[in-house]
Amino acid sequence: MTTAEATLKRPESGNHPSHSWPGGYPLYYLTADSGVLCPDCSNCEEAKQAEADCPDDDQWRIIAADIHWEGSPITCDNCDRKIENAYGNTTTAIGGLKP
């Protein structure tokens, strides 16, 4: 697989979305070196510049996007921002009882 085949194409708008459509679920981006980027960092000038100038730079080459469905927040490897899950706090079971 070539670098171009393993790179998530940037939308025509120039920015990766922060939430899915439909649904509005929070997205995160996976880089070729297994790093995680928040939507803001995936769209920052540094990321766009690296994408244009250094397409083989694995720390910025975005290969996938996904929804963070549940679990602990995921941390962006660039800015340390917490990416919350789609369902919020899941430690309380239905009816308000602790599991």
PDB file of N, CA and C in Angstrom:
ATOM      1  N   MET A   1       0.850  -1.179   0.000  1.00  0.00           N
ATOM      2  CA  MET A   1       0.000   0.000   0.000  1.00  0.00           C
ATOM      3  C   MET A   1       0.893   1.238   0.000  1.00  0.00           C
ATOM      4  N   THR A   2       0.564   2.180  -0.854  1.00  0.00           N
ATOM      5  CA  THR A   2       1.350   3.399  -0.919  1.00  0.00           C
ATOM      6  C   THR A   2       0.859   4.403   0.114  1.00  0.00           C
ATOM      7  N   THR A   3       1.686   5.420   0.347  1.00  0.00           N
ATOM      8  CA  THR A   3       1.324   6.470   1.301  1.00  0.00           C
ATOM      9  C   THR A   3       0.006   7.121   0.919  1.00  0.00           C
ATOM     10  N   ALA A   4      -0.194   7.394  -0.365  1.00  0.00           N
ATOM     11  CA  ALA A   4      -1.418   8.047  -0.810  1.00  0.00           C
ATOM     12  C   ALA A   4      -2.641   7.181  -0.524  1.00  0.00           C
ATOM     13  N   GLU A   5      -2.508   5.851  -0.669  1.00  0.00           N
ATOM     14  CA  GLU A   5      -3.631   4.959  -0.422  1.00  0.00           C
ATOM     15  C   GLU A   5      -3.972   4.884   1.063  1.00  0.00           C
ATOM     16  N   ALA A   6      -2.994   5.140   1.918  1.00  0.00           N
ATOM     17  CA  ALA A   6      -3.197   5.013   3.358  1.00  0.00           C
ATOM     18  C   ALA A   6      -3.410   6.361   4.036  1.00  0.00           C
ATOM     19  N   THR A   7      -3.748   7.369   3.262  1.00  0.00           N
ATOM     20  CA  THR A   7      -3.962   8.702   3.816  1.00  0.00           C
ATOM     21  C   THR A   7      -5.431   9.067   3.672  1.00  0.00           C
ATOM     22  N   LEU A   8      -6.035   9.545   4.763  1.00  0.00           N
ATOM     23  CA  LEU A   8      -7.414  10.000   4.722  1.00  0.00           C
ATOM     24  C   LEU A   8      -7.444  11.330   3.979  1.00  0.00           C
ATOM     25  N   LYS A   9      -8.213  11.388   2.927  1.00  0.00           N
ATOM     26  CA  LYS A   9      -8.277  12.608   2.115  1.00  0.00           C
ATOM     27  C   LYS A   9      -8.962  13.730   2.885  1.00  0.00           C
ATOM     28  N   ARG A  10      -8.396  14.924   2.771  1.00  0.00           N
ATOM     29  CA  ARG A  10      -8.986  16.117   3.394  1.00  0.00           C
ATOM     30  C   ARG A  10     -10.217  16.518   2.580  1.00  0.00           C
ATOM     31  N   PRO A  11     -11.329  16.811   3.243  1.00  0.00           N
ATOM     32  CA  PRO A  11     -12.538  17.218   2.516  1.00  0.00           C
ATOM     33  C   PRO A  11     -12.324  18.488   1.700  1.00  0.00           C
ATOM     34  N   GLU A  12     -13.203  18.731   0.755  1.00  0.00           N
ATOM     35  CA  GLU A  12     -13.095  19.922  -0.084  1.00  0.00           C
ATOM     36  C   GLU A  12     -13.123  21.214   0.723  1.00  0.00           C
ATOM     37  N   SER A  13     -13.787  21.196   1.861  1.00  0.00           N
ATOM     38  CA  SER A  13     -13.847  22.390   2.713  1.00  0.00           C
ATOM     39  C   SER A  13     -12.475  22.752   3.272  1.00  0.00           C
ATOM     40  N   GLY A  14     -11.544  21.784   3.251  1.00  0.00           N
ATOM     41  CA  GLY A  14     -10.201  22.016   3.771  1.00  0.00           C
ATOM     42  C   GLY A  14     -10.027  21.587   5.212  1.00  0.00           C
ATOM     43  N   ASN A  15     -11.115  21.262   5.893  1.00  0.00           N
ATOM     44  CA  ASN A  15     -11.041  20.862   7.297  1.00  0.00           C
ATOM     45  C   ASN A  15     -11.748  19.533   7.533  1.00  0.00           C
ATOM     46  N   HIS A  16     -11.120  18.711   8.372  1.00  0.00           N
ATOM     47  CA  HIS A  16     -11.768  17.484   8.808  1.00  0.00           C
ATOM     48  C   HIS A  16     -12.884  17.859   9.781  1.00  0.00           C
ATOM     49  N   PRO A  17     -14.008  17.158   9.752  1.00  0.00           N
ATOM     50  CA  PRO A  17     -15.104  17.488  10.665  1.00  0.00           C
ATOM     51  C   PRO A  17     -14.795  17.111  12.113  1.00  0.00           C
ATOM     52  N   SER A  18     -15.437  17.788  13.042  1.00  0.00           N
ATOM     53  CA  SER A  18     -15.250  17.476  14.460  1.00  0.00           C
ATOM     54  C   SER A  18     -16.282  16.468  14.957  1.00  0.00           C
ATOM     55  N   HIS A  19     -17.398  16.360  14.224  1.00  0.00           N
ATOM     56  CA  HIS A  19     -18.460  15.445  14.611  1.00  0.00           C
ATOM     57  C   HIS A  19     -18.987  14.713  13.375  1.00  0.00           C
ATOM     58  N   SER A  20     -19.530  13.533  13.605  1.00  0.00           N
ATOM     59  CA  SER A  20     -20.063  12.744  12.502  1.00  0.00           C
ATOM     60  C   SER A  20     -21.375  13.333  12.000  1.00  0.00           C
ATOM     61  N   TRP A  21     -21.673  13.011  10.741  1.00  0.00           N
ATOM     62  CA  TRP A  21     -22.981  13.350  10.212  1.00  0.00           C
ATOM     63  C   TRP A  21     -23.519  12.130   9.495  1.00  0.00           C
ATOM     64  N   PRO A  22     -24.677  11.646   9.812  1.00  0.00           N
ATOM     65  CA  PRO A  22     -25.583  12.158  10.843  1.00  0.00           C
ATOM     66  C   PRO A  22     -25.163  11.687  12.233  1.00  0.00           C
ATOM     67  N   GLY A  23     -25.775  12.226  13.221  1.00  0.00           N
ATOM     68  CA  GLY A  23     -25.581  11.791  14.592  1.00  0.00           C
ATOM     69  C   GLY A  23     -24.890  12.774  15.496  1.00  0.00           C
ATOM     70  N   GLY A  24     -23.922  13.510  14.955  1.00  0.00           N
ATOM     71  CA  GLY A  24     -23.209  14.487  15.775  1.00  0.00           C
ATOM     72  C   GLY A  24     -22.279  13.871  16.802  1.00  0.00           C
ATOM     73  N   TYR A  25     -21.793  12.656  16.531  1.00  0.00           N
ATOM     74  CA  TYR A  25     -20.890  11.985  17.468  1.00  0.00           C
ATOM     75  C   TYR A  25     -19.474  12.548  17.356  1.00  0.00           C
ATOM     76  N   PRO A  26     -18.725  12.613  18.478  1.00  0.00           N
ATOM     77  CA  PRO A  26     -17.374  13.188  18.452  1.00  0.00           C
ATOM     78  C   PRO A  26     -16.393  12.299  17.678  1.00  0.00           C
ATOM     79  N   LEU A  27     -15.634  12.930  16.795  1.00  0.00           N
ATOM     80  CA  LEU A  27     -14.639  12.211  15.999  1.00  0.00           C
ATOM     81  C   LEU A  27     -13.239  12.436  16.541  1.00  0.00           C
ATOM     82  N   TYR A  28     -12.374  11.470  16.302  1.00  0.00           N
ATOM     83  CA  TYR A  28     -10.942  11.635  16.523  1.00  0.00           C
ATOM     84  C   TYR A  28     -10.245  11.076  15.297  1.00  0.00           C
ATOM     85  N   TYR A  29      -8.990  11.431  15.136  1.00  0.00           N
ATOM     86  CA  TYR A  29      -8.228  11.051  13.951  1.00  0.00           C
ATOM     87  C   TYR A  29      -7.002  10.239  14.353  1.00  0.00           C
ATOM     88  N   LEU A  30      -6.763   9.166  13.622  1.00  0.00           N
ATOM     89  CA  LEU A  30      -5.644   8.264  13.883  1.00  0.00           C
ATOM     90  C   LEU A  30      -4.551   8.531  12.859  1.00  0.00           C
ATOM     91  N   THR A  31      -3.319   8.691  13.341  1.00  0.00           N
ATOM     92  CA  THR A  31      -2.192   8.941  12.439  1.00  0.00           C
ATOM     93  C   THR A  31      -1.453   7.639  12.142  1.00  0.00           C
ATOM     94  N   ALA A  32      -0.591   7.680  11.148  1.00  0.00           N
ATOM     95  CA  ALA A  32       0.132   6.490  10.706  1.00  0.00           C
ATOM     96  C   ALA A  32       1.049   5.911  11.783  1.00  0.00           C
ATOM     97  N   ASP A  33       1.458   6.740  12.755  1.00  0.00           N
ATOM     98  CA  ASP A  33       2.312   6.224  13.831  1.00  0.00           C
ATOM     99  C   ASP A  33       1.481   5.824  15.059  1.00  0.00           C
ATOM    100  N   SER A  34       0.159   5.609  14.843  1.00  0.00           N
ATOM    101  CA  SER A  34      -0.792   5.203  15.887  1.00  0.00           C
ATOM    102  C   SER A  34      -1.100   6.307  16.877  1.00  0.00           C
ATOM    103  N   GLY A  35      -0.803   7.537  16.519  1.00  0.00           N
ATOM    104  CA  GLY A  35      -1.142   8.660  17.368  1.00  0.00           C
ATOM    105  C   GLY A  35      -2.595   9.054  17.178  1.00  0.00           C
ATOM    106  N   VAL A  36      -3.102   9.829  18.128  1.00  0.00           N
ATOM    107  CA  VAL A  36      -4.472  10.314  18.091  1.00  0.00           C
ATOM    108  C   VAL A  36      -4.444  11.838  18.020  1.00  0.00           C
ATOM    109  N   LEU A  37      -5.238  12.391  17.113  1.00  0.00           N
ATOM    110  CA  LEU A  37      -5.382  13.845  17.006  1.00  0.00           C
ATOM    111  C   LEU A  37      -6.838  14.232  17.199  1.00  0.00           C
ATOM    112  N   CYS A  38      -7.053  15.330  17.928  1.00  0.00           N
ATOM    113  CA  CYS A  38      -8.395  15.891  18.039  1.00  0.00           C
ATOM    114  C   CYS A  38      -8.698  16.599  16.717  1.00  0.00           C
ATOM    115  N   PRO A  39      -9.954  16.921  16.456  1.00  0.00           N
ATOM    116  CA  PRO A  39     -10.281  17.617  15.207  1.00  0.00           C
ATOM    117  C   PRO A  39      -9.532  18.947  15.031  1.00  0.00           C
ATOM    118  N   ASP A  40      -9.359  19.710  16.117  1.00  0.00           N
ATOM    119  CA  ASP A  40      -8.637  20.983  16.000  1.00  0.00           C
ATOM    120  C   ASP A  40      -7.212  20.774  15.520  1.00  0.00           C
ATOM    121  N   CYS A  41      -6.523  19.787  16.083  1.00  0.00           N
ATOM    122  CA  CYS A  41      -5.131  19.541  15.683  1.00  0.00           C
ATOM    123  C   CYS A  41      -5.047  18.925  14.288  1.00  0.00           C
ATOM    124  N   SER A  42      -6.052  18.151  13.894  1.00  0.00           N
ATOM    125  CA  SER A  42      -6.043  17.596  12.539  1.00  0.00           C
ATOM    126  C   SER A  42      -6.201  18.693  11.496  1.00  0.00           C
ATOM    127  N   ASN A  43      -6.731  19.840  11.929  1.00  0.00           N
ATOM    128  CA  ASN A  43      -6.959  20.962  11.019  1.00  0.00           C
ATOM    129  C   ASN A  43      -6.007  22.130  11.215  1.00  0.00           C
ATOM    130  N   CYS A  44      -5.071  22.019  12.140  1.00  0.00           N
ATOM    131  CA  CYS A  44      -4.160  23.133  12.401  1.00  0.00           C
ATOM    132  C   CYS A  44      -3.201  23.337  11.230  1.00  0.00           C
ATOM    133  N   GLU A  45      -2.618  24.512  11.166  1.00  0.00           N
ATOM    134  CA  GLU A  45      -1.703  24.832  10.064  1.00  0.00           C
ATOM    135  C   GLU A  45      -0.513  23.870  10.009  1.00  0.00           C
ATOM    136  N   GLU A  46      -0.017  23.468  11.172  1.00  0.00           N
ATOM    137  CA  GLU A  46       1.110  22.524  11.213  1.00  0.00           C
ATOM    138  C   GLU A  46       0.748  21.215  10.517  1.00  0.00           C
ATOM    139  N   ALA A  47      -0.456  20.716  10.757  1.00  0.00           N
ATOM    140  CA  ALA A  47      -0.898  19.470  10.125  1.00  0.00           C
ATOM    141  C   ALA A  47      -1.060  19.648   8.620  1.00  0.00           C
ATOM    142  N   LYS A  48      -1.662  20.753   8.225  1.00  0.00           N
ATOM    143  CA  LYS A  48      -1.860  21.009   6.799  1.00  0.00           C
ATOM    144  C   LYS A  48      -0.532  21.184   6.081  1.00  0.00           C
ATOM    145  N   GLN A  49       0.425  21.859   6.723  1.00  0.00           N
ATOM    146  CA  GLN A  49       1.745  22.063   6.126  1.00  0.00           C
ATOM    147  C   GLN A  49       2.497  20.747   5.995  1.00  0.00           C
ATOM    148  N   ALA A  50       2.451  19.935   7.038  1.00  0.00           N
ATOM    149  CA  ALA A  50       3.127  18.634   6.994  1.00  0.00           C
ATOM    150  C   ALA A  50       2.511  17.746   5.925  1.00  0.00           C
ATOM    151  N   GLU A  51       1.201  17.811   5.792  1.00  0.00           N
ATOM    152  CA  GLU A  51       0.497  17.031   4.776  1.00  0.00           C
ATOM    153  C   GLU A  51       0.968  17.406   3.372  1.00  0.00           C
ATOM    154  N   ALA A  52       1.188  18.691   3.148  1.00  0.00           N
ATOM    155  CA  ALA A  52       1.610  19.168   1.834  1.00  0.00           C
ATOM    156  C   ALA A  52       3.097  18.944   1.579  1.00  0.00           C
ATOM    157  N   ASP A  53       3.928  19.232   2.590  1.00  0.00           N
ATOM    158  CA  ASP A  53       5.377  19.201   2.407  1.00  0.00           C
ATOM    159  C   ASP A  53       6.023  17.856   2.708  1.00  0.00           C
ATOM    160  N   CYS A  54       5.454  17.116   3.644  1.00  0.00           N
ATOM    161  CA  CYS A  54       6.063  15.856   4.100  1.00  0.00           C
ATOM    162  C   CYS A  54       4.999  14.764   4.188  1.00  0.00           C
ATOM    163  N   PRO A  55       4.492  14.301   3.066  1.00  0.00           N
ATOM    164  CA  PRO A  55       3.400  13.328   3.113  1.00  0.00           C
ATOM    165  C   PRO A  55       3.771  12.003   3.781  1.00  0.00           C
ATOM    166  N   ASP A  56       5.056  11.757   3.970  1.00  0.00           N
ATOM    167  CA  ASP A  56       5.485  10.526   4.634  1.00  0.00           C
ATOM    168  C   ASP A  56       5.748  10.716   6.123  1.00  0.00           C
ATOM    169  N   ASP A  57       5.451  11.887   6.669  1.00  0.00           N
ATOM    170  CA  ASP A  57       5.652  12.151   8.091  1.00  0.00           C
ATOM    171  C   ASP A  57       4.510  11.490   8.866  1.00  0.00           C
ATOM    172  N   ASP A  58       4.803  10.309   9.418  1.00  0.00           N
ATOM    173  CA  ASP A  58       3.763   9.489  10.033  1.00  0.00           C
ATOM    174  C   ASP A  58       3.083  10.121  11.242  1.00  0.00           C
ATOM    175  N   GLN A  59       3.741  11.069  11.911  1.00  0.00           N
ATOM    176  CA  GLN A  59       3.099  11.672  13.084  1.00  0.00           C
ATOM    177  C   GLN A  59       1.983  12.640  12.710  1.00  0.00           C
ATOM    178  N   TRP A  60       1.924  13.055  11.441  1.00  0.00           N
ATOM    179  CA  TRP A  60       0.861  13.953  10.989  1.00  0.00           C
ATOM    180  C   TRP A  60      -0.013  13.335   9.906  1.00  0.00           C
ATOM    181  N   ARG A  61       0.409  12.208   9.326  1.00  0.00           N
ATOM    182  CA  ARG A  61      -0.356  11.602   8.234  1.00  0.00           C
ATOM    183  C   ARG A  61      -1.574  10.890   8.800  1.00  0.00           C
ATOM    184  N   ILE A  62      -2.736  11.446   8.556  1.00  0.00           N
ATOM    185  CA  ILE A  62      -3.986  10.897   9.079  1.00  0.00           C
ATOM    186  C   ILE A  62      -4.443   9.765   8.175  1.00  0.00           C
ATOM    187  N   ILE A  63      -4.652   8.605   8.786  1.00  0.00           N
ATOM    188  CA  ILE A  63      -5.049   7.431   8.019  1.00  0.00           C
ATOM    189  C   ILE A  63      -6.484   6.997   8.282  1.00  0.00           C
ATOM    190  N   ALA A  64      -7.091   7.499   9.358  1.00  0.00           N
ATOM    191  CA  ALA A  64      -8.460   7.092   9.673  1.00  0.00           C
ATOM    192  C   ALA A  64      -9.116   8.092  10.610  1.00  0.00           C
ATOM    193  N   ALA A  65     -10.426   8.055  10.604  1.00  0.00           N
ATOM    194  CA  ALA A  65     -11.231   8.813  11.563  1.00  0.00           C
ATOM    195  C   ALA A  65     -12.208   7.828  12.178  1.00  0.00           C
ATOM    196  N   ASP A  66     -12.548   8.058  13.425  1.00  0.00           N
ATOM    197  CA  ASP A  66     -13.491   7.169  14.081  1.00  0.00           C
ATOM    198  C   ASP A  66     -14.265   7.934  15.140  1.00  0.00           C
ATOM    199  N   ILE A  67     -15.350   7.337  15.570  1.00  0.00           N
ATOM    200  CA  ILE A  67     -16.167   7.888  16.646  1.00  0.00           C
ATOM    201  C   ILE A  67     -15.708   7.258  17.955  1.00  0.00           C
ATOM    202  N   HIS A  68     -15.539   8.088  18.961  1.00  0.00           N
ATOM    203  CA  HIS A  68     -15.200   7.581  20.297  1.00  0.00           C
ATOM    204  C   HIS A  68     -16.525   7.269  20.994  1.00  0.00           C
ATOM    205  N   TRP A  69     -16.962   6.036  20.872  1.00  0.00           N
ATOM    206  CA  TRP A  69     -18.282   5.642  21.342  1.00  0.00           C
ATOM    207  C   TRP A  69     -18.434   5.679  22.850  1.00  0.00           C
ATOM    208  N   GLU A  70     -17.542   5.003  23.566  1.00  0.00           N
ATOM    209  CA  GLU A  70     -17.678   4.943  25.020  1.00  0.00           C
ATOM    210  C   GLU A  70     -16.334   4.663  25.659  1.00  0.00           C
ATOM    211  N   GLY A  71     -16.282   4.837  26.971  1.00  0.00           N
ATOM    212  CA  GLY A  71     -15.046   4.622  27.714  1.00  0.00           C
ATOM    213  C   GLY A  71     -14.449   5.936  28.179  1.00  0.00           C
ATOM    214  N   SER A  72     -13.267   5.822  28.719  1.00  0.00           N
ATOM    215  CA  SER A  72     -12.557   7.002  29.217  1.00  0.00           C
ATOM    216  C   SER A  72     -12.241   7.952  28.065  1.00  0.00           C
ATOM    217  N   PRO A  73     -12.082   9.226  28.367  1.00  0.00           N
ATOM    218  CA  PRO A  73     -11.718  10.172  27.305  1.00  0.00           C
ATOM    219  C   PRO A  73     -10.402   9.762  26.637  1.00  0.00           C
ATOM    220  N   ILE A  74     -10.308  10.040  25.354  1.00  0.00           N
ATOM    221  CA  ILE A  74      -9.074   9.825  24.596  1.00  0.00           C
ATOM    222  C   ILE A  74      -8.326  11.155  24.617  1.00  0.00           C
ATOM    223  N   THR A  75      -7.011  11.108  24.731  1.00  0.00           N
ATOM    224  CA  THR A  75      -6.203  12.325  24.791  1.00  0.00           C
ATOM    225  C   THR A  75      -5.499  12.570  23.469  1.00  0.00           C
ATOM    226  N   CYS A  76      -5.622  13.784  22.955  1.00  0.00           N
ATOM    227  CA  CYS A  76      -4.927  14.179  21.737  1.00  0.00           C
ATOM    228  C   CYS A  76      -3.428  14.175  22.013  1.00  0.00           C
ATOM    229  N   ASP A  77      -2.666  13.558  21.122  1.00  0.00           N
ATOM    230  CA  ASP A  77      -1.217  13.469  21.310  1.00  0.00           C
ATOM    231  C   ASP A  77      -0.498  14.783  21.034  1.00  0.00           C
ATOM    232  N   ASN A  78      -1.165  15.738  20.422  1.00  0.00           N
ATOM    233  CA  ASN A  78      -0.527  17.008  20.126  1.00  0.00           C
ATOM    234  C   ASN A  78      -0.805  18.063  21.200  1.00  0.00           C
ATOM    235  N   CYS A  79      -2.066  18.230  21.587  1.00  0.00           N
ATOM    236  CA  CYS A  79      -2.424  19.326  22.503  1.00  0.00           C
ATOM    237  C   CYS A  79      -2.907  18.854  23.879  1.00  0.00           C
ATOM    238  N   ASP A  80      -3.011  17.548  24.073  1.00  0.00           N
ATOM    239  CA  ASP A  80      -3.481  16.953  25.339  1.00  0.00           C
ATOM    240  C   ASP A  80      -4.952  17.214  25.635  1.00  0.00           C
ATOM    241  N   ARG A  81      -5.718  17.657  24.651  1.00  0.00           N
ATOM    242  CA  ARG A  81      -7.155  17.854  24.837  1.00  0.00           C
ATOM    243  C   ARG A  81      -7.835  16.503  25.022  1.00  0.00           C
ATOM    244  N   LYS A  82      -8.800  16.451  25.912  1.00  0.00           N
ATOM    245  CA  LYS A  82      -9.570  15.244  26.149  1.00  0.00           C
ATOM    246  C   LYS A  82     -10.717  15.179  25.140  1.00  0.00           C
ATOM    247  N   ILE A  83     -10.854  14.039  24.484  1.00  0.00           N
ATOM    248  CA  ILE A  83     -11.943  13.802  23.548  1.00  0.00           C
ATOM    249  C   ILE A  83     -12.935  12.909  24.272  1.00  0.00           C
ATOM    250  N   GLU A  84     -14.073  13.495  24.645  1.00  0.00           N
ATOM    251  CA  GLU A  84     -15.079  12.768  25.414  1.00  0.00           C
ATOM    252  C   GLU A  84     -15.790  11.747  24.532  1.00  0.00           C
ATOM    253  N   ASN A  85     -16.358  10.728  25.168  1.00  0.00           N
ATOM    254  CA  ASN A  85     -17.065   9.713  24.395  1.00  0.00           C
ATOM    255  C   ASN A  85     -18.470  10.192  24.015  1.00  0.00           C
ATOM    256  N   ALA A  86     -19.087   9.465  23.101  1.00  0.00           N
ATOM    257  CA  ALA A  86     -20.389   9.853  22.566  1.00  0.00           C
ATOM    258  C   ALA A  86     -21.519   9.722  23.578  1.00  0.00           C
ATOM    259  N   TYR A  87     -21.361   8.852  24.558  1.00  0.00           N
ATOM    260  CA  TYR A  87     -22.459   8.567  25.468  1.00  0.00           C
ATOM    261  C   TYR A  87     -22.280   9.138  26.860  1.00  0.00           C
ATOM    262  N   GLY A  88     -21.237   9.896  27.093  1.00  0.00           N
ATOM    263  CA  GLY A  88     -21.034  10.506  28.411  1.00  0.00           C
ATOM    264  C   GLY A  88     -20.659   9.481  29.455  1.00  0.00           C
ATOM    265  N   ASN A  89     -20.953   9.781  30.722  1.00  0.00           N
ATOM    266  CA  ASN A  89     -20.614   8.927  31.835  1.00  0.00           C
ATOM    267  C   ASN A  89     -21.439   7.641  31.778  1.00  0.00           C
ATOM    268  N   THR A  90     -20.760   6.527  31.585  1.00  0.00           N
ATOM    269  CA  THR A  90     -21.458   5.239  31.497  1.00  0.00           C
ATOM    270  C   THR A  90     -21.238   4.391  32.730  1.00  0.00           C
ATOM    271  N   THR A  91     -20.825   5.014  33.835  1.00  0.00           N
ATOM    272  CA  THR A  91     -20.575   4.243  35.063  1.00  0.00           C
ATOM    273  C   THR A  91     -21.853   3.975  35.826  1.00  0.00           C
ATOM    274  N   THR A  92     -22.934   4.661  35.489  1.00  0.00           N
ATOM    275  CA  THR A  92     -24.214   4.420  36.155  1.00  0.00           C
ATOM    276  C   THR A  92     -25.126   3.640  35.233  1.00  0.00           C
ATOM    277  N   ALA A  93     -25.660   2.532  35.719  1.00  0.00           N
ATOM    278  CA  ALA A  93     -26.527   1.688  34.921  1.00  0.00           C
ATOM    279  C   ALA A  93     -27.919   2.318  34.802  1.00  0.00           C
ATOM    280  N   ILE A  94     -28.727   1.728  33.973  1.00  0.00           N
ATOM    281  CA  ILE A  94     -30.106   2.196  33.795  1.00  0.00           C
ATOM    282  C   ILE A  94     -30.818   2.169  35.123  1.00  0.00           C
ATOM    283  N   GLY A  95     -31.572   3.204  35.412  1.00  0.00           N
ATOM    284  CA  GLY A  95     -32.293   3.296  36.669  1.00  0.00           C
ATOM    285  C   GLY A  95     -31.479   3.943  37.764  1.00  0.00           C
ATOM    286  N   GLY A  96     -30.259   4.382  37.459  1.00  0.00           N
ATOM    287  CA  GLY A  96     -29.427   5.073  38.431  1.00  0.00           C
ATOM    288  C   GLY A  96     -28.673   4.169  39.372  1.00  0.00           C
ATOM    289  N   LEU A  97     -28.741   2.865  39.193  1.00  0.00           N
ATOM    290  CA  LEU A  97     -28.035   1.935  40.076  1.00  0.00           C
ATOM    291  C   LEU A  97     -26.624   1.707  39.565  1.00  0.00           C
ATOM    292  N   LYS A  98     -25.698   1.596  40.467  1.00  0.00           N
ATOM    293  CA  LYS A  98     -24.308   1.299  40.080  1.00  0.00           C
ATOM    294  C   LYS A  98     -24.224  -0.158  39.631  1.00  0.00           C
ATOM    295  N   PRO A  99     -23.460  -0.423  38.570  1.00  0.00           N
ATOM    296  CA  PRO A  99     -23.328  -1.805  38.104  1.00  0.00           C
ATOM    297  C   PRO A  99     -22.583  -2.671  39.116  1.00  0.00           C
TER     298      PRO A  99
END
